C-alpha atoms as a PDB file:
ATOM      1  CA  UNK A   1       5.158 -13.673   8.774  1.00  0.00           C
ATOM      2  CA  UNK A   2       5.780 -10.750   6.227  1.00  0.00           C
ATOM      3  CA  UNK A   3       3.543 -10.892   3.166  1.00  0.00           C
ATOM      4  CA  UNK A   4       2.407  -8.804   0.158  1.00  0.00           C
ATOM      5  CA  UNK A   5      -0.591  -8.822  -2.079  1.00  0.00           C
ATOM      6  CA  UNK A   6       0.081  -7.458  -5.637  1.00  0.00           C
ATOM      7  CA  UNK A   7      -2.755  -6.542  -8.057  1.00  0.00           C
ATOM      8  CA  UNK A   8      -3.055  -8.655 -11.270  1.00  0.00           C
ATOM      9  CA  UNK A   9      -4.138  -5.357 -12.889  1.00  0.00           C
ATOM     10  CA  UNK A  10      -6.751  -5.899 -15.538  1.00  0.00           C
ATOM     11  CA  UNK A  11      -6.786  -2.199 -16.645  1.00  0.00           C
ATOM     12  CA  UNK A  12      -6.135  -2.020 -20.459  1.00  0.00           C
ATOM     13  CA  UNK A  13      -3.012  -0.604 -22.170  1.00  0.00           C
ATOM     14  CA  UNK A  14       0.617  -1.368 -22.392  1.00  0.00           C
ATOM     15  CA  UNK A  15       1.400   0.900 -19.536  1.00  0.00           C
ATOM     16  CA  UNK A  16      -0.880  -1.056 -17.341  1.00  0.00           C
ATOM     17  CA  UNK A  17       0.664  -4.320 -18.261  1.00  0.00           C
ATOM     18  CA  UNK A  18       4.115  -2.794 -17.320  1.00  0.00           C
ATOM     19  CA  UNK A  19       2.788  -1.720 -13.985  1.00  0.00           C
ATOM     20  CA  UNK A  20       1.387  -5.235 -13.248  1.00  0.00           C
ATOM     21  CA  UNK A  21       4.743  -6.738 -14.275  1.00  0.00           C
ATOM     22  CA  UNK A  22       6.630  -4.209 -12.092  1.00  0.00           C
ATOM     23  CA  UNK A  23       4.458  -5.063  -9.025  1.00  0.00           C
ATOM     24  CA  UNK A  24       5.247  -8.789  -9.447  1.00  0.00           C
ATOM     25  CA  UNK A  25       8.875  -8.064  -9.897  1.00  0.00           C
ATOM     26  CA  UNK A  26       9.023  -5.953  -6.833  1.00  0.00           C
ATOM     27  CA  UNK A  27       7.416  -8.646  -4.680  1.00  0.00           C
ATOM     28  CA  UNK A  28       9.577 -11.240  -6.155  1.00  0.00           C
ATOM     29  CA  UNK A  29      12.811  -9.132  -5.466  1.00  0.00           C
ATOM     30  CA  UNK A  30      11.590  -8.498  -1.827  1.00  0.00           C
ATOM     31  CA  UNK A  31      11.176 -12.202  -1.292  1.00  0.00           C
ATOM     32  CA  UNK A  32      14.360 -13.088  -3.015  1.00  0.00           C
ATOM     33  CA  UNK A  33      16.177 -10.688  -0.620  1.00  0.00           C
ATOM     34  CA  UNK A  34      14.561 -12.047   2.373  1.00  0.00           C
ATOM     35  CA  UNK A  35      12.287  -8.994   2.963  1.00  0.00           C
ATOM     36  CA  UNK A  36       9.156 -10.982   2.458  1.00  0.00           C
ATOM     37  CA  UNK A  37       8.145 -14.437   3.455  1.00  0.00           C
ATOM     38  CA  UNK A  38       5.436 -14.736   0.875  1.00  0.00           C
ATOM     39  CA  UNK A  39       3.423 -12.749  -1.771  1.00  0.00           C
ATOM     40  CA  UNK A  40       0.313 -13.405  -3.932  1.00  0.00           C
ATOM     41  CA  UNK A  41      -0.861 -12.101  -7.156  1.00  0.00           C
ATOM     42  CA  UNK A  42      -4.599 -11.257  -6.416  1.00  0.00           C
ATOM     43  CA  UNK A  43      -7.290 -11.622  -9.020  1.00  0.00           C
ATOM     44  CA  UNK A  44      -9.938 -10.078  -6.698  1.00  0.00           C
ATOM     45  CA  UNK A  45     -10.396  -8.625  -3.172  1.00  0.00           C
ATOM     46  CA  UNK A  46     -11.950 -11.939  -1.986  1.00  0.00           C
ATOM     47  CA  UNK A  47      -8.898 -13.753  -3.406  1.00  0.00           C
ATOM     48  CA  UNK A  48      -6.489 -11.340  -1.578  1.00  0.00           C
ATOM     49  CA  UNK A  49      -8.298 -11.670   1.794  1.00  0.00           C
ATOM     50  CA  UNK A  50      -8.703 -15.340   1.569  1.00  0.00           C
ATOM     51  CA  UNK A  51      -5.081 -15.906   0.830  1.00  0.00           C
ATOM     52  CA  UNK A  52      -4.182 -13.617   3.802  1.00  0.00           C
ATOM     53  CA  UNK A  53      -6.546 -15.594   6.082  1.00  0.00           C
ATOM     54  CA  UNK A  54      -4.747 -18.778   5.490  1.00  0.00           C
ATOM     55  CA  UNK A  55      -1.147 -17.455   6.061  1.00  0.00           C
ATOM     56  CA  UNK A  56       0.576 -18.457   9.368  1.00  0.00           C
ATOM     57  CA  UNK A  57      -0.161 -15.945  12.143  1.00  0.00           C
ATOM     58  CA  UNK A  58       0.627 -13.319  13.147  1.00  0.00           C
ATOM     59  CA  UNK A  59       1.046 -11.146  10.089  1.00  0.00           C
ATOM     60  CA  UNK A  60       3.652  -8.719  11.117  1.00  0.00           C
ATOM     61  CA  UNK A  61       3.819  -6.885   7.788  1.00  0.00           C
ATOM     62  CA  UNK A  62       1.277  -6.723   5.006  1.00  0.00           C
ATOM     63  CA  UNK A  63       1.931  -4.862   1.837  1.00  0.00           C
ATOM     64  CA  UNK A  64      -0.538  -4.084  -1.002  1.00  0.00           C
ATOM     65  CA  UNK A  65       1.061  -3.263  -4.290  1.00  0.00           C
ATOM     66  CA  UNK A  66      -1.304  -1.757  -6.823  1.00  0.00           C
ATOM     67  CA  UNK A  67      -3.480   1.208  -7.928  1.00  0.00           C
ATOM     68  CA  UNK A  68      -4.731   3.738  -5.433  1.00  0.00           C
ATOM     69  CA  UNK A  69      -6.562   6.977  -5.305  1.00  0.00           C
ATOM     70  CA  UNK A  70      -7.453   9.264  -2.370  1.00  0.00           C
ATOM     71  CA  UNK A  71      -9.110   7.045   0.373  1.00  0.00           C
ATOM     72  CA  UNK A  72      -9.255   3.824  -1.809  1.00  0.00           C
ATOM     73  CA  UNK A  73      -7.478   1.250  -3.802  1.00  0.00           C
ATOM     74  CA  UNK A  74      -8.187  -1.442  -6.458  1.00  0.00           C
ATOM     75  CA  UNK A  75      -7.346  -5.033  -7.289  1.00  0.00           C
ATOM     76  CA  UNK A  76      -8.327  -6.370 -10.790  1.00  0.00           C
ATOM     77  CA  UNK A  77     -10.302  -3.170 -11.468  1.00  0.00           C
ATOM     78  CA  UNK A  78     -12.457  -3.593  -8.257  1.00  0.00           C
ATOM     79  CA  UNK A  79     -12.444  -0.821  -5.850  1.00  0.00           C
ATOM     80  CA  UNK A  80     -12.097  -2.076  -2.294  1.00  0.00           C
ATOM     81  CA  UNK A  81     -15.011  -2.306   0.142  1.00  0.00           C
ATOM     82  CA  UNK A  82     -13.304  -1.125   3.154  1.00  0.00           C
ATOM     83  CA  UNK A  83     -15.438  -3.372   5.405  1.00  0.00           C
ATOM     84  CA  UNK A  84     -13.486  -6.381   3.955  1.00  0.00           C
ATOM     85  CA  UNK A  85     -10.607  -5.294   6.143  1.00  0.00           C
ATOM     86  CA  UNK A  86     -12.431  -6.769   9.105  1.00  0.00           C
ATOM     87  CA  UNK A  87     -11.276 -10.105   7.696  1.00  0.00           C
ATOM     88  CA  UNK A  88      -7.679  -9.105   8.916  1.00  0.00           C
ATOM     89  CA  UNK A  89      -8.515  -8.533  12.518  1.00  0.00           C
ATOM     90  CA  UNK A  90      -7.552 -12.070  13.722  1.00  0.00           C
ATOM     91  CA  UNK A  91      -4.359 -11.940  11.673  1.00  0.00           C
ATOM     92  CA  UNK A  92      -2.673  -8.746  12.886  1.00  0.00           C
ATOM     93  CA  UNK A  93      -1.139  -7.639  16.266  1.00  0.00           C
ATOM     94  CA  UNK A  94      -0.466  -4.109  17.603  1.00  0.00           C
ATOM     95  CA  UNK A  95       3.160  -4.316  16.089  1.00  0.00           C
ATOM     96  CA  UNK A  96       1.804  -5.155  12.507  1.00  0.00           C
ATOM     97  CA  UNK A  97       2.354  -2.741   9.710  1.00  0.00           C
ATOM     98  CA  UNK A  98      -0.251  -2.558   6.957  1.00  0.00           C
ATOM     99  CA  UNK A  99       1.412  -0.674   3.960  1.00  0.00           C
ATOM    100  CA  UNK A 100      -0.451   0.390   0.918  1.00  0.00           C
ATOM    101  CA  UNK A 101       2.198   0.834  -1.775  1.00  0.00           C
ATOM    102  CA  UNK A 102      -0.434   2.526  -3.985  1.00  0.00           C
ATOM    103  CA  UNK A 103      -0.702   6.017  -5.375  1.00  0.00           C
ATOM    104  CA  UNK A 104      -2.286   8.793  -3.303  1.00  0.00           C
ATOM    105  CA  UNK A 105      -4.218   6.506  -0.886  1.00  0.00           C
ATOM    106  CA  UNK A 106      -3.628   8.789   2.107  1.00  0.00           C
ATOM    107  CA  UNK A 107      -4.240  12.035   0.123  1.00  0.00           C
ATOM    108  CA  UNK A 108      -6.795  14.613   1.296  1.00  0.00           C
ATOM    109  CA  UNK A 109      -9.930  14.079   3.368  1.00  0.00           C
ATOM    110  CA  UNK A 110     -10.533  10.678   1.904  1.00  0.00           C
ATOM    111  CA  UNK A 111      -7.067   9.580   2.924  1.00  0.00           C
ATOM    112  CA  UNK A 112      -7.490  10.839   6.404  1.00  0.00           C
ATOM    113  CA  UNK A 113     -10.831   9.098   6.683  1.00  0.00           C
ATOM    114  CA  UNK A 114      -9.468   5.751   5.326  1.00  0.00           C
ATOM    115  CA  UNK A 115      -6.453   5.923   7.737  1.00  0.00           C
ATOM    116  CA  UNK A 116      -8.589   6.480  10.713  1.00  0.00           C
ATOM    117  CA  UNK A 117     -10.992   3.686   9.774  1.00  0.00           C
ATOM    118  CA  UNK A 118      -8.195   1.121   9.321  1.00  0.00           C
ATOM    119  CA  UNK A 119      -6.358   2.231  12.438  1.00  0.00           C
ATOM    120  CA  UNK A 120      -9.404   2.106  14.554  1.00  0.00           C
ATOM    121  CA  UNK A 121     -10.313  -1.353  13.047  1.00  0.00           C
ATOM    122  CA  UNK A 122      -7.058  -3.061  12.998  1.00  0.00           C
ATOM    123  CA  UNK A 123      -5.348  -1.370  16.037  1.00  0.00           C
ATOM    124  CA  UNK A 124      -2.038  -1.410  14.348  1.00  0.00           C
ATOM    125  CA  UNK A 125       0.217   0.983  12.314  1.00  0.00           C
ATOM    126  CA  UNK A 126      -1.073   1.774   8.821  1.00  0.00           C
ATOM    127  CA  UNK A 127       1.076   3.379   6.075  1.00  0.00           C
ATOM    128  CA  UNK A 128       0.311   4.816   2.640  1.00  0.00           C
ATOM    129  CA  UNK A 129       1.297   7.449   0.253  1.00  0.00           C
ATOM    130  CA  UNK A 130      -0.121  10.910  -0.683  1.00  0.00           C
ATOM    131  CA  UNK A 131       1.551  11.213  -3.989  1.00  0.00           C
ATOM    132  CA  UNK A 132       1.833   9.333  -7.255  1.00  0.00           C
ATOM    133  CA  UNK A 133       4.482   6.681  -6.809  1.00  0.00           C
ATOM    134  CA  UNK A 134       6.714   4.436  -8.992  1.00  0.00           C
ATOM    135  CA  UNK A 135      10.381   3.612  -8.581  1.00  0.00           C
ATOM    136  CA  UNK A 136      10.617   6.554  -6.111  1.00  0.00           C
ATOM    137  CA  UNK A 137       7.819   6.305  -3.736  1.00  0.00           C
ATOM    138  CA  UNK A 138       7.097   9.783  -2.097  1.00  0.00           C
ATOM    139  CA  UNK A 139       4.614  11.117   0.366  1.00  0.00           C
ATOM    140  CA  UNK A 140       4.910   8.062   2.587  1.00  0.00           C
ATOM    141  CA  UNK A 141       3.100   8.465   5.998  1.00  0.00           C
ATOM    142  CA  UNK A 142       2.073   6.245   8.810  1.00  0.00           C
ATOM    143  CA  UNK A 143      -0.683   6.405  11.361  1.00  0.00           C
ATOM    144  CA  UNK A 144      -0.804   4.496  14.623  1.00  0.00           C
ATOM    145  CA  UNK A 145      -3.639   4.002  17.106  1.00  0.00           C
ATOM    146  CA  UNK A 146      -4.705   7.148  19.017  1.00  0.00           C
ATOM    147  CA  UNK A 147      -2.696   9.341  16.554  1.00  0.00           C
ATOM    148  CA  UNK A 148      -3.991  12.107  14.339  1.00  0.00           C
ATOM    149  CA  UNK A 149      -2.487  12.304  10.884  1.00  0.00           C
ATOM    150  CA  UNK A 150       0.712  14.243  10.828  1.00  0.00           C
ATOM    151  CA  UNK A 151       0.594  15.100   7.040  1.00  0.00           C
ATOM    152  CA  UNK A 152      -1.250  18.129   5.530  1.00  0.00           C
ATOM    153  CA  UNK A 153      -4.559  17.591   3.674  1.00  0.00           C
ATOM    154  CA  UNK A 154      -3.169  19.655   0.878  1.00  0.00           C
ATOM    155  CA  UNK A 155      -0.065  17.363   0.194  1.00  0.00           C
ATOM    156  CA  UNK A 156      -0.212  16.396  -3.378  1.00  0.00           C
ATOM    157  CA  UNK A 157       2.004  15.854  -6.489  1.00  0.00           C
ATOM    158  CA  UNK A 158       4.117  18.705  -7.480  1.00  0.00           C
ATOM    159  CA  UNK A 159       6.859  19.497  -9.959  1.00  0.00           C
ATOM    160  CA  UNK A 160       7.397  18.078 -13.388  1.00  0.00           C
ATOM    161  CA  UNK A 161       4.239  16.239 -14.530  1.00  0.00           C
ATOM    162  CA  UNK A 162       6.189  13.900 -16.717  1.00  0.00           C
ATOM    163  CA  UNK A 163       8.324  12.826 -13.680  1.00  0.00           C
ATOM    164  CA  UNK A 164       5.259  12.395 -11.665  1.00  0.00           C
ATOM    165  CA  UNK A 165       3.601  10.166 -14.172  1.00  0.00           C
ATOM    166  CA  UNK A 166       6.575   8.016 -14.386  1.00  0.00           C
ATOM    167  CA  UNK A 167       7.001   7.860 -10.658  1.00  0.00           C
ATOM    168  CA  UNK A 168      10.410   9.500 -10.729  1.00  0.00           C
ATOM    169  CA  UNK A 169       9.364  12.615  -8.843  1.00  0.00           C
ATOM    170  CA  UNK A 170      11.279  13.212  -5.636  1.00  0.00           C
ATOM    171  CA  UNK A 171       9.191  14.650  -2.738  1.00  0.00           C
ATOM    172  CA  UNK A 172       8.840  14.422   1.004  1.00  0.00           C
ATOM    173  CA  UNK A 173       9.179  11.099   2.644  1.00  0.00           C
ATOM    174  CA  UNK A 174      10.590   9.444  -0.409  1.00  0.00           C
ATOM    175  CA  UNK A 175      11.914   5.885  -0.458  1.00  0.00           C
ATOM    176  CA  UNK A 176      13.140   3.600  -3.301  1.00  0.00           C
ATOM    177  CA  UNK A 177      10.542   0.842  -4.336  1.00  0.00           C
ATOM    178  CA  UNK A 178      12.955  -1.846  -3.268  1.00  0.00           C
ATOM    179  CA  UNK A 179      13.067  -0.562   0.458  1.00  0.00           C
ATOM    180  CA  UNK A 180      11.111  -3.016   2.642  1.00  0.00           C
ATOM    181  CA  UNK A 181      10.851  -0.936   5.777  1.00  0.00           C
ATOM    182  CA  UNK A 182       9.505   2.401   6.595  1.00  0.00           C
ATOM    183  CA  UNK A 183      11.957   4.836   8.102  1.00  0.00           C
ATOM    184  CA  UNK A 184      11.288   5.816  11.783  1.00  0.00           C
ATOM    185  CA  UNK A 185       9.211   8.899  12.255  1.00  0.00           C
ATOM    186  CA  UNK A 186       7.306   8.627   9.026  1.00  0.00           C
END
């Protein structure tokens, strides 16, 4: 089963409403093109994990679409309590990929720490970005059990700040938002 959670996004402002809509459209298109089996618009972390717990097992791909920052991510304005990921242990296999399609989640020391925590806990591949993402999602990296991070702590946004803000900045390990798989070696 390949699933995705997208954030309902309760942050104020028109730009935030656009982001929430783009995450829903992205998940809808992935399902339409057969790249996802199901997705859910989550209103809280409990809602997200409760929905994941009732999906047919095993979950071979879990994507989270929403807001992120170094070492963390949000749903409905709530920062995740990383211990909640314990709820996924029974749902994943070693071949599962948990992918955070969120800005900057693997950036810096906090990103390294989160990647280690999740890989050690879930014993599967975890992927996230070190850069601000949008249509172009750059800075994508994976970490597998018993691996050390292969990306530099200093990897961050660079270039034209307007393109970065719009998610149009091209950088290392960049994919289009409609791509549903991680290229080998990332």
